[in-house]
Amino acid sequence: MADFTPVIAVSDLVKGQGRTVEIAGKRIAIFNVDDQIYALEDDCPHRGGPLGPGWVTAEKCTVACPLHGWEFDLKTGAGLTVPARPVRTYPVKVVEGKIEVAV
């Protein structure tokens, strides 16, 4: 079972935006969509673009890579733009106002 690591206060993650954090040498993109927190690997499989600063669409619960627009489902990591490949998702929980991610 993976250990959860506290990374950021929920209040520091603006709704509808993402942010990149580093845990155990891995870059993880975390997102707040309508008070639901999601975590994905921060590298777009197309050209390694960062997903943390990507464009979030709350209605679809997706993020698009800011380099070339490849889109990913925040819940599953599925690539939605052909031929996008999936990105890894990570378990998330909130404890006492802090977001914790297991890698």
PDB file of N, CA and C in Angstrom:
ATOM      1  N   MET A   1       0.835  -1.182   0.000  1.00  0.00           N
ATOM      2  CA  MET A   1       0.000   0.000   0.000  1.00  0.00           C
ATOM      3  C   MET A   1       0.878   1.243   0.000  1.00  0.00           C
ATOM      4  N   ALA A   2       0.573   2.184  -0.868  1.00  0.00           N
ATOM      5  CA  ALA A   2       1.374   3.395  -0.999  1.00  0.00           C
ATOM      6  C   ALA A   2       1.117   4.347   0.166  1.00  0.00           C
ATOM      7  N   ASP A   3       2.154   5.062   0.547  1.00  0.00           N
ATOM      8  CA  ASP A   3       2.024   6.070   1.590  1.00  0.00           C
ATOM      9  C   ASP A   3       1.552   7.378   0.980  1.00  0.00           C
ATOM     10  N   PHE A   4       0.660   8.056   1.685  1.00  0.00           N
ATOM     11  CA  PHE A   4       0.193   9.363   1.246  1.00  0.00           C
ATOM     12  C   PHE A   4       1.138  10.441   1.764  1.00  0.00           C
ATOM     13  N   THR A   5       1.449  11.404   0.891  1.00  0.00           N
ATOM     14  CA  THR A   5       2.337  12.505   1.231  1.00  0.00           C
ATOM     15  C   THR A   5       1.562  13.816   1.152  1.00  0.00           C
ATOM     16  N   PRO A   6       1.562  14.628   2.236  1.00  0.00           N
ATOM     17  CA  PRO A   6       0.916  15.938   2.165  1.00  0.00           C
ATOM     18  C   PRO A   6       1.687  16.833   1.195  1.00  0.00           C
ATOM     19  N   VAL A   7       0.949  17.526   0.294  1.00  0.00           N
ATOM     20  CA  VAL A   7       1.641  18.339  -0.705  1.00  0.00           C
ATOM     21  C   VAL A   7       1.262  19.810  -0.705  1.00  0.00           C
ATOM     22  N   ILE A   8       0.002  20.124  -0.401  1.00  0.00           N
ATOM     23  CA  ILE A   8      -0.441  21.506  -0.491  1.00  0.00           C
ATOM     24  C   ILE A   8      -1.765  21.645   0.249  1.00  0.00           C
ATOM     25  N   ALA A   9      -2.032  22.826   0.751  1.00  0.00           N
ATOM     26  CA  ALA A   9      -3.330  23.088   1.379  1.00  0.00           C
ATOM     27  C   ALA A   9      -4.398  23.209   0.295  1.00  0.00           C
ATOM     28  N   VAL A  10      -5.573  22.689   0.563  1.00  0.00           N
ATOM     29  CA  VAL A  10      -6.678  22.795  -0.390  1.00  0.00           C
ATOM     30  C   VAL A  10      -6.915  24.259  -0.745  1.00  0.00           C
ATOM     31  N   SER A  11      -6.810  25.149   0.229  1.00  0.00           N
ATOM     32  CA  SER A  11      -7.057  26.578   0.001  1.00  0.00           C
ATOM     33  C   SER A  11      -6.039  27.215  -0.957  1.00  0.00           C
ATOM     34  N   ASP A  12      -4.897  26.556  -1.179  1.00  0.00           N
ATOM     35  CA  ASP A  12      -3.871  27.072  -2.094  1.00  0.00           C
ATOM     36  C   ASP A  12      -4.033  26.563  -3.523  1.00  0.00           C
ATOM     37  N   LEU A  13      -5.037  25.718  -3.760  1.00  0.00           N
ATOM     38  CA  LEU A  13      -5.274  25.178  -5.100  1.00  0.00           C
ATOM     39  C   LEU A  13      -6.583  25.765  -5.622  1.00  0.00           C
ATOM     40  N   VAL A  14      -6.475  26.718  -6.514  1.00  0.00           N
ATOM     41  CA  VAL A  14      -7.629  27.447  -7.041  1.00  0.00           C
ATOM     42  C   VAL A  14      -8.536  26.500  -7.823  1.00  0.00           C
ATOM     43  N   LYS A  15      -9.848  26.617  -7.591  1.00  0.00           N
ATOM     44  CA  LYS A  15     -10.808  25.806  -8.337  1.00  0.00           C
ATOM     45  C   LYS A  15     -10.648  26.058  -9.831  1.00  0.00           C
ATOM     46  N   GLY A  16     -10.677  24.967 -10.593  1.00  0.00           N
ATOM     47  CA  GLY A  16     -10.582  25.078 -12.046  1.00  0.00           C
ATOM     48  C   GLY A  16      -9.166  25.229 -12.564  1.00  0.00           C
ATOM     49  N   GLN A  17      -8.185  25.062 -11.697  1.00  0.00           N
ATOM     50  CA  GLN A  17      -6.796  25.164 -12.121  1.00  0.00           C
ATOM     51  C   GLN A  17      -5.993  23.989 -11.596  1.00  0.00           C
ATOM     52  N   GLY A  18      -4.804  23.848 -12.142  1.00  0.00           N
ATOM     53  CA  GLY A  18      -3.898  22.809 -11.710  1.00  0.00           C
ATOM     54  C   GLY A  18      -2.622  23.400 -11.166  1.00  0.00           C
ATOM     55  N   ARG A  19      -1.824  22.525 -10.586  1.00  0.00           N
ATOM     56  CA  ARG A  19      -0.543  22.939 -10.028  1.00  0.00           C
ATOM     57  C   ARG A  19       0.370  21.725 -10.025  1.00  0.00           C
ATOM     58  N   THR A  20       1.641  21.955 -10.229  1.00  0.00           N
ATOM     59  CA  THR A  20       2.613  20.873 -10.229  1.00  0.00           C
ATOM     60  C   THR A  20       3.339  20.829  -8.887  1.00  0.00           C
ATOM     61  N   VAL A  21       3.465  19.616  -8.350  1.00  0.00           N
ATOM     62  CA  VAL A  21       4.218  19.391  -7.121  1.00  0.00           C
ATOM     63  C   VAL A  21       5.204  18.257  -7.394  1.00  0.00           C
ATOM     64  N   GLU A  22       6.167  18.107  -6.521  1.00  0.00           N
ATOM     65  CA  GLU A  22       7.116  17.003  -6.662  1.00  0.00           C
ATOM     66  C   GLU A  22       7.032  16.120  -5.424  1.00  0.00           C
ATOM     67  N   ILE A  23       6.899  14.814  -5.676  1.00  0.00           N
ATOM     68  CA  ILE A  23       6.843  13.835  -4.590  1.00  0.00           C
ATOM     69  C   ILE A  23       7.788  12.699  -4.959  1.00  0.00           C
ATOM     70  N   ALA A  24       8.726  12.424  -4.085  1.00  0.00           N
ATOM     71  CA  ALA A  24       9.676  11.319  -4.292  1.00  0.00           C
ATOM     72  C   ALA A  24      10.317  11.381  -5.677  1.00  0.00           C
ATOM     73  N   GLY A  25      10.689  12.573  -6.106  1.00  0.00           N
ATOM     74  CA  GLY A  25      11.355  12.747  -7.387  1.00  0.00           C
ATOM     75  C   GLY A  25      10.441  12.700  -8.601  1.00  0.00           C
ATOM     76  N   LYS A  26       9.125  12.604  -8.385  1.00  0.00           N
ATOM     77  CA  LYS A  26       8.167  12.567  -9.495  1.00  0.00           C
ATOM     78  C   LYS A  26       7.377  13.869  -9.532  1.00  0.00           C
ATOM     79  N   ARG A  27       7.184  14.400 -10.749  1.00  0.00           N
ATOM     80  CA  ARG A  27       6.330  15.577 -10.915  1.00  0.00           C
ATOM     81  C   ARG A  27       4.885  15.111 -11.050  1.00  0.00           C
ATOM     82  N   ILE A  28       4.032  15.645 -10.176  1.00  0.00           N
ATOM     83  CA  ILE A  28       2.622  15.284 -10.137  1.00  0.00           C
ATOM     84  C   ILE A  28       1.805  16.554 -10.345  1.00  0.00           C
ATOM     85  N   ALA A  29       0.812  16.480 -11.228  1.00  0.00           N
ATOM     86  CA  ALA A  29      -0.099  17.604 -11.449  1.00  0.00           C
ATOM     87  C   ALA A  29      -1.354  17.350 -10.621  1.00  0.00           C
ATOM     88  N   ILE A  30      -1.731  18.330  -9.801  1.00  0.00           N
ATOM     89  CA  ILE A  30      -2.945  18.191  -9.009  1.00  0.00           C
ATOM     90  C   ILE A  30      -3.945  19.259  -9.448  1.00  0.00           C
ATOM     91  N   PHE A  31      -5.225  18.904  -9.396  1.00  0.00           N
ATOM     92  CA  PHE A  31      -6.284  19.769  -9.913  1.00  0.00           C
ATOM     93  C   PHE A  31      -7.446  19.814  -8.942  1.00  0.00           C
ATOM     94  N   ASN A  32      -8.116  20.970  -8.893  1.00  0.00           N
ATOM     95  CA  ASN A  32      -9.329  21.148  -8.114  1.00  0.00           C
ATOM     96  C   ASN A  32     -10.448  21.464  -9.094  1.00  0.00           C
ATOM     97  N   VAL A  33     -11.360  20.512  -9.277  1.00  0.00           N
ATOM     98  CA  VAL A  33     -12.510  20.710 -10.166  1.00  0.00           C
ATOM     99  C   VAL A  33     -13.762  20.552  -9.319  1.00  0.00           C
ATOM    100  N   ASP A  34     -14.434  21.663  -9.079  1.00  0.00           N
ATOM    101  CA  ASP A  34     -15.656  21.655  -8.272  1.00  0.00           C
ATOM    102  C   ASP A  34     -15.448  20.955  -6.929  1.00  0.00           C
ATOM    103  N   ASP A  35     -14.347  21.288  -6.275  1.00  0.00           N
ATOM    104  CA  ASP A  35     -13.977  20.756  -4.965  1.00  0.00           C
ATOM    105  C   ASP A  35     -13.623  19.266  -4.961  1.00  0.00           C
ATOM    106  N   GLN A  36     -13.447  18.677  -6.128  1.00  0.00           N
ATOM    107  CA  GLN A  36     -12.907  17.320  -6.229  1.00  0.00           C
ATOM    108  C   GLN A  36     -11.442  17.452  -6.620  1.00  0.00           C
ATOM    109  N   ILE A  37     -10.579  16.742  -5.939  1.00  0.00           N
ATOM    110  CA  ILE A  37      -9.142  16.831  -6.187  1.00  0.00           C
ATOM    111  C   ILE A  37      -8.691  15.613  -6.986  1.00  0.00           C
ATOM    112  N   TYR A  38      -7.887  15.869  -8.022  1.00  0.00           N
ATOM    113  CA  TYR A  38      -7.366  14.810  -8.889  1.00  0.00           C
ATOM    114  C   TYR A  38      -5.854  14.976  -8.991  1.00  0.00           C
ATOM    115  N   ALA A  39      -5.150  13.863  -9.221  1.00  0.00           N
ATOM    116  CA  ALA A  39      -3.698  13.892  -9.397  1.00  0.00           C
ATOM    117  C   ALA A  39      -3.315  13.007 -10.576  1.00  0.00           C
ATOM    118  N   LEU A  40      -2.480  13.561 -11.462  1.00  0.00           N
ATOM    119  CA  LEU A  40      -1.985  12.855 -12.649  1.00  0.00           C
ATOM    120  C   LEU A  40      -0.486  13.028 -12.739  1.00  0.00           C
ATOM    121  N   GLU A  41       0.159  12.133 -13.483  1.00  0.00           N
ATOM    122  CA  GLU A  41       1.565  12.397 -13.783  1.00  0.00           C
ATOM    123  C   GLU A  41       1.601  13.700 -14.583  1.00  0.00           C
ATOM    124  N   ASP A  42       2.645  14.471 -14.409  1.00  0.00           N
ATOM    125  CA  ASP A  42       2.700  15.818 -14.975  1.00  0.00           C
ATOM    126  C   ASP A  42       3.287  15.868 -16.377  1.00  0.00           C
ATOM    127  N   ASP A  43       3.536  14.748 -17.014  1.00  0.00           N
ATOM    128  CA  ASP A  43       4.162  14.744 -18.338  1.00  0.00           C
ATOM    129  C   ASP A  43       3.185  14.267 -19.406  1.00  0.00           C
ATOM    130  N   CYS A  44       2.879  15.130 -20.357  1.00  0.00           N
ATOM    131  CA  CYS A  44       2.067  14.730 -21.506  1.00  0.00           C
ATOM    132  C   CYS A  44       2.889  13.735 -22.327  1.00  0.00           C
ATOM    133  N   PRO A  45       2.302  12.603 -22.713  1.00  0.00           N
ATOM    134  CA  PRO A  45       3.068  11.609 -23.461  1.00  0.00           C
ATOM    135  C   PRO A  45       3.434  12.041 -24.878  1.00  0.00           C
ATOM    136  N   HIS A  46       2.892  13.139 -25.364  1.00  0.00           N
ATOM    137  CA  HIS A  46       3.209  13.610 -26.711  1.00  0.00           C
ATOM    138  C   HIS A  46       4.632  14.150 -26.786  1.00  0.00           C
ATOM    139  N   ARG A  47       4.895  15.212 -26.038  1.00  0.00           N
ATOM    140  CA  ARG A  47       6.223  15.833 -26.056  1.00  0.00           C
ATOM    141  C   ARG A  47       6.723  16.185 -24.660  1.00  0.00           C
ATOM    142  N   GLY A  48       6.112  15.574 -23.630  1.00  0.00           N
ATOM    143  CA  GLY A  48       6.576  15.823 -22.263  1.00  0.00           C
ATOM    144  C   GLY A  48       6.136  17.147 -21.683  1.00  0.00           C
ATOM    145  N   GLY A  49       5.143  17.777 -22.289  1.00  0.00           N
ATOM    146  CA  GLY A  49       4.651  19.059 -21.774  1.00  0.00           C
ATOM    147  C   GLY A  49       4.057  18.900 -20.385  1.00  0.00           C
ATOM    148  N   PRO A  50       4.096  19.969 -19.585  1.00  0.00           N
ATOM    149  CA  PRO A  50       3.561  19.903 -18.234  1.00  0.00           C
ATOM    150  C   PRO A  50       2.035  20.001 -18.242  1.00  0.00           C
ATOM    151  N   LEU A  51       1.367  19.117 -17.514  1.00  0.00           N
ATOM    152  CA  LEU A  51      -0.095  19.172 -17.461  1.00  0.00           C
ATOM    153  C   LEU A  51      -0.598  20.090 -16.352  1.00  0.00           C
ATOM    154  N   GLY A  52       0.187  20.314 -15.316  1.00  0.00           N
ATOM    155  CA  GLY A  52      -0.228  21.177 -14.204  1.00  0.00           C
ATOM    156  C   GLY A  52      -0.730  22.543 -14.636  1.00  0.00           C
ATOM    157  N   PRO A  53      -0.028  23.224 -15.551  1.00  0.00           N
ATOM    158  CA  PRO A  53      -0.510  24.526 -16.001  1.00  0.00           C
ATOM    159  C   PRO A  53      -1.463  24.447 -17.202  1.00  0.00           C
ATOM    160  N   GLY A  54      -1.954  23.244 -17.484  1.00  0.00           N
ATOM    161  CA  GLY A  54      -2.833  23.051 -18.642  1.00  0.00           C
ATOM    162  C   GLY A  54      -4.191  23.689 -18.468  1.00  0.00           C
ATOM    163  N   TRP A  55      -5.009  23.584 -19.523  1.00  0.00           N
ATOM    164  CA  TRP A  55      -6.343  24.183 -19.540  1.00  0.00           C
ATOM    165  C   TRP A  55      -7.354  23.181 -19.012  1.00  0.00           C
ATOM    166  N   VAL A  56      -7.998  23.533 -17.902  1.00  0.00           N
ATOM    167  CA  VAL A  56      -8.982  22.660 -17.268  1.00  0.00           C
ATOM    168  C   VAL A  56     -10.376  22.996 -17.779  1.00  0.00           C
ATOM    169  N   THR A  57     -11.145  21.973 -18.128  1.00  0.00           N
ATOM    170  CA  THR A  57     -12.543  22.131 -18.496  1.00  0.00           C
ATOM    171  C   THR A  57     -13.364  21.393 -17.452  1.00  0.00           C
ATOM    172  N   ALA A  58     -14.004  22.157 -16.561  1.00  0.00           N
ATOM    173  CA  ALA A  58     -14.742  21.561 -15.447  1.00  0.00           C
ATOM    174  C   ALA A  58     -15.919  20.721 -15.930  1.00  0.00           C
ATOM    175  N   GLU A  59     -16.617  21.170 -16.965  1.00  0.00           N
ATOM    176  CA  GLU A  59     -17.794  20.454 -17.448  1.00  0.00           C
ATOM    177  C   GLU A  59     -17.459  19.037 -17.902  1.00  0.00           C
ATOM    178  N   LYS A  60     -16.277  18.862 -18.480  1.00  0.00           N
ATOM    179  CA  LYS A  60     -15.855  17.546 -18.967  1.00  0.00           C
ATOM    180  C   LYS A  60     -14.886  16.864 -18.009  1.00  0.00           C
ATOM    181  N   CYS A  61     -14.424  17.597 -16.992  1.00  0.00           N
ATOM    182  CA  CYS A  61     -13.430  17.098 -16.031  1.00  0.00           C
ATOM    183  C   CYS A  61     -12.172  16.636 -16.776  1.00  0.00           C
ATOM    184  N   THR A  62     -11.623  17.562 -17.580  1.00  0.00           N
ATOM    185  CA  THR A  62     -10.439  17.262 -18.377  1.00  0.00           C
ATOM    186  C   THR A  62      -9.381  18.348 -18.219  1.00  0.00           C
ATOM    187  N   VAL A  63      -8.173  18.010 -18.651  1.00  0.00           N
ATOM    188  CA  VAL A  63      -7.097  18.980 -18.765  1.00  0.00           C
ATOM    189  C   VAL A  63      -6.473  18.803 -20.141  1.00  0.00           C
ATOM    190  N   ALA A  64      -6.091  19.923 -20.745  1.00  0.00           N
ATOM    191  CA  ALA A  64      -5.412  19.890 -22.044  1.00  0.00           C
ATOM    192  C   ALA A  64      -3.987  20.400 -21.865  1.00  0.00           C
ATOM    193  N   CYS A  65      -3.052  19.704 -22.471  1.00  0.00           N
ATOM    194  CA  CYS A  65      -1.644  20.099 -22.419  1.00  0.00           C
ATOM    195  C   CYS A  65      -1.486  21.485 -23.051  1.00  0.00           C
ATOM    196  N   PRO A  66      -0.774  22.381 -22.377  1.00  0.00           N
ATOM    197  CA  PRO A  66      -0.616  23.727 -22.917  1.00  0.00           C
ATOM    198  C   PRO A  66       0.297  23.814 -24.147  1.00  0.00           C
ATOM    199  N   LEU A  67       1.032  22.750 -24.460  1.00  0.00           N
ATOM    200  CA  LEU A  67       1.915  22.803 -25.629  1.00  0.00           C
ATOM    201  C   LEU A  67       1.185  22.503 -26.934  1.00  0.00           C
ATOM    202  N   HIS A  68       0.398  21.430 -26.959  1.00  0.00           N
ATOM    203  CA  HIS A  68      -0.230  21.028 -28.217  1.00  0.00           C
ATOM    204  C   HIS A  68      -1.705  20.659 -28.082  1.00  0.00           C
ATOM    205  N   GLY A  69      -2.283  20.826 -26.884  1.00  0.00           N
ATOM    206  CA  GLY A  69      -3.710  20.644 -26.709  1.00  0.00           C
ATOM    207  C   GLY A  69      -4.199  19.223 -26.502  1.00  0.00           C
ATOM    208  N   TRP A  70      -3.304  18.257 -26.345  1.00  0.00           N
ATOM    209  CA  TRP A  70      -3.782  16.894 -26.072  1.00  0.00           C
ATOM    210  C   TRP A  70      -4.587  16.929 -24.781  1.00  0.00           C
ATOM    211  N   GLU A  71      -5.739  16.255 -24.779  1.00  0.00           N
ATOM    212  CA  GLU A  71      -6.673  16.332 -23.666  1.00  0.00           C
ATOM    213  C   GLU A  71      -6.731  15.002 -22.904  1.00  0.00           C
ATOM    214  N   PHE A  72      -6.854  15.113 -21.574  1.00  0.00           N
ATOM    215  CA  PHE A  72      -6.866  13.937 -20.702  1.00  0.00           C
ATOM    216  C   PHE A  72      -8.002  14.031 -19.689  1.00  0.00           C
ATOM    217  N   ASP A  73      -8.623  12.879 -19.415  1.00  0.00           N
ATOM    218  CA  ASP A  73      -9.669  12.779 -18.408  1.00  0.00           C
ATOM    219  C   ASP A  73      -9.000  12.819 -17.028  1.00  0.00           C
ATOM    220  N   LEU A  74      -9.423  13.750 -16.178  1.00  0.00           N
ATOM    221  CA  LEU A  74      -8.805  13.874 -14.862  1.00  0.00           C
ATOM    222  C   LEU A  74      -9.140  12.714 -13.936  1.00  0.00           C
ATOM    223  N   LYS A  75     -10.263  12.060 -14.148  1.00  0.00           N
ATOM    224  CA  LYS A  75     -10.665  10.946 -13.276  1.00  0.00           C
ATOM    225  C   LYS A  75      -9.902   9.667 -13.590  1.00  0.00           C
ATOM    226  N   THR A  76      -9.667   9.412 -14.888  1.00  0.00           N
ATOM    227  CA  THR A  76      -9.089   8.126 -15.299  1.00  0.00           C
ATOM    228  C   THR A  76      -7.699   8.236 -15.917  1.00  0.00           C
ATOM    229  N   GLY A  77      -7.316   9.432 -16.353  1.00  0.00           N
ATOM    230  CA  GLY A  77      -6.047   9.607 -17.052  1.00  0.00           C
ATOM    231  C   GLY A  77      -6.115   9.250 -18.524  1.00  0.00           C
ATOM    232  N   ALA A  78      -7.300   8.835 -19.002  1.00  0.00           N
ATOM    233  CA  ALA A  78      -7.447   8.428 -20.403  1.00  0.00           C
ATOM    234  C   ALA A  78      -7.116   9.588 -21.341  1.00  0.00           C
ATOM    235  N   GLY A  79      -6.395   9.263 -22.409  1.00  0.00           N
ATOM    236  CA  GLY A  79      -6.126  10.240 -23.452  1.00  0.00           C
ATOM    237  C   GLY A  79      -7.357  10.389 -24.325  1.00  0.00           C
ATOM    238  N   LEU A  80      -7.820  11.622 -24.513  1.00  0.00           N
ATOM    239  CA  LEU A  80      -9.049  11.863 -25.254  1.00  0.00           C
ATOM    240  C   LEU A  80      -8.814  12.423 -26.650  1.00  0.00           C
ATOM    241  N   THR A  81      -7.602  12.839 -26.932  1.00  0.00           N
ATOM    242  CA  THR A  81      -7.265  13.394 -28.231  1.00  0.00           C
ATOM    243  C   THR A  81      -6.486  12.337 -29.009  1.00  0.00           C
ATOM    244  N   VAL A  82      -7.021  11.904 -30.129  1.00  0.00           N
ATOM    245  CA  VAL A  82      -6.348  10.874 -30.928  1.00  0.00           C
ATOM    246  C   VAL A  82      -5.057  11.463 -31.466  1.00  0.00           C
ATOM    247  N   PRO A  83      -3.929  10.835 -31.292  1.00  0.00           N
ATOM    248  CA  PRO A  83      -3.705   9.500 -30.751  1.00  0.00           C
ATOM    249  C   PRO A  83      -3.199   9.512 -29.308  1.00  0.00           C
ATOM    250  N   ALA A  84      -3.719  10.370 -28.468  1.00  0.00           N
ATOM    251  CA  ALA A  84      -3.218  10.514 -27.095  1.00  0.00           C
ATOM    252  C   ALA A  84      -3.220   9.185 -26.337  1.00  0.00           C
ATOM    253  N   ARG A  85      -2.157   8.970 -25.625  1.00  0.00           N
ATOM    254  CA  ARG A  85      -2.039   7.813 -24.755  1.00  0.00           C
ATOM    255  C   ARG A  85      -2.421   8.243 -23.335  1.00  0.00           C
ATOM    256  N   PRO A  86      -2.791   7.331 -22.477  1.00  0.00           N
ATOM    257  CA  PRO A  86      -3.194   7.714 -21.118  1.00  0.00           C
ATOM    258  C   PRO A  86      -2.012   8.177 -20.281  1.00  0.00           C
ATOM    259  N   VAL A  87      -2.331   8.904 -19.219  1.00  0.00           N
ATOM    260  CA  VAL A  87      -1.343   9.272 -18.212  1.00  0.00           C
ATOM    261  C   VAL A  87      -1.761   8.608 -16.904  1.00  0.00           C
ATOM    262  N   ARG A  88      -0.806   8.382 -16.057  1.00  0.00           N
ATOM    263  CA  ARG A  88      -1.068   7.709 -14.787  1.00  0.00           C
ATOM    264  C   ARG A  88      -1.812   8.637 -13.830  1.00  0.00           C
ATOM    265  N   THR A  89      -2.761   8.078 -13.096  1.00  0.00           N
ATOM    266  CA  THR A  89      -3.447   8.814 -12.042  1.00  0.00           C
ATOM    267  C   THR A  89      -2.913   8.331 -10.696  1.00  0.00           C
ATOM    268  N   TYR A  90      -3.105   9.162  -9.675  1.00  0.00           N
ATOM    269  CA  TYR A  90      -2.639   8.820  -8.335  1.00  0.00           C
ATOM    270  C   TYR A  90      -3.771   8.995  -7.328  1.00  0.00           C
ATOM    271  N   PRO A  91      -3.824   8.143  -6.301  1.00  0.00           N
ATOM    272  CA  PRO A  91      -4.835   8.300  -5.253  1.00  0.00           C
ATOM    273  C   PRO A  91      -4.619   9.611  -4.490  1.00  0.00           C
ATOM    274  N   VAL A  92      -5.727  10.239  -4.142  1.00  0.00           N
ATOM    275  CA  VAL A  92      -5.701  11.530  -3.442  1.00  0.00           C
ATOM    276  C   VAL A  92      -6.673  11.472  -2.274  1.00  0.00           C
ATOM    277  N   LYS A  93      -6.303  12.148  -1.193  1.00  0.00           N
ATOM    278  CA  LYS A  93      -7.247  12.349  -0.096  1.00  0.00           C
ATOM    279  C   LYS A  93      -6.951  13.702   0.543  1.00  0.00           C
ATOM    280  N   VAL A  94      -7.933  14.228   1.252  1.00  0.00           N
ATOM    281  CA  VAL A  94      -7.770  15.485   1.950  1.00  0.00           C
ATOM    282  C   VAL A  94      -7.860  15.206   3.448  1.00  0.00           C
ATOM    283  N   VAL A  95      -6.842  15.636   4.182  1.00  0.00           N
ATOM    284  CA  VAL A  95      -6.782  15.424   5.618  1.00  0.00           C
ATOM    285  C   VAL A  95      -6.490  16.772   6.282  1.00  0.00           C
ATOM    286  N   GLU A  96      -7.437  17.206   7.111  1.00  0.00           N
ATOM    287  CA  GLU A  96      -7.280  18.463   7.842  1.00  0.00           C
ATOM    288  C   GLU A  96      -6.887  19.619   6.932  1.00  0.00           C
ATOM    289  N   GLY A  97      -7.550  19.707   5.783  1.00  0.00           N
ATOM    290  CA  GLY A  97      -7.329  20.818   4.857  1.00  0.00           C
ATOM    291  C   GLY A  97      -6.104  20.691   3.966  1.00  0.00           C
ATOM    292  N   LYS A  98      -5.389  19.572   4.071  1.00  0.00           N
ATOM    293  CA  LYS A  98      -4.203  19.345   3.237  1.00  0.00           C
ATOM    294  C   LYS A  98      -4.491  18.257   2.215  1.00  0.00           C
ATOM    295  N   ILE A  99      -4.026  18.482   0.992  1.00  0.00           N
ATOM    296  CA  ILE A  99      -4.125  17.460  -0.053  1.00  0.00           C
ATOM    297  C   ILE A  99      -2.965  16.503   0.113  1.00  0.00           C
ATOM    298  N   GLU A 100      -3.279  15.209   0.134  1.00  0.00           N
ATOM    299  CA  GLU A 100      -2.258  14.170   0.220  1.00  0.00           C
ATOM    300  C   GLU A 100      -2.363  13.283  -1.014  1.00  0.00           C
ATOM    301  N   VAL A 101      -1.210  12.915  -1.567  1.00  0.00           N
ATOM    302  CA  VAL A 101      -1.150  12.094  -2.776  1.00  0.00           C
ATOM    303  C   VAL A 101      -0.267  10.882  -2.507  1.00  0.00           C
ATOM    304  N   ALA A 102      -0.700   9.725  -2.994  1.00  0.00           N
ATOM    305  CA  ALA A 102       0.089   8.495  -2.870  1.00  0.00           C
ATOM    306  C   ALA A 102       0.742   8.193  -4.205  1.00  0.00           C
ATOM    307  N   VAL A 103       2.074   8.044  -4.201  1.00  0.00           N
ATOM    308  CA  VAL A 103       2.790   7.716  -5.456  1.00  0.00           C
ATOM    309  C   VAL A 103       3.459   6.360  -5.337  1.00  0.00           C
TER     310      VAL A 103
END
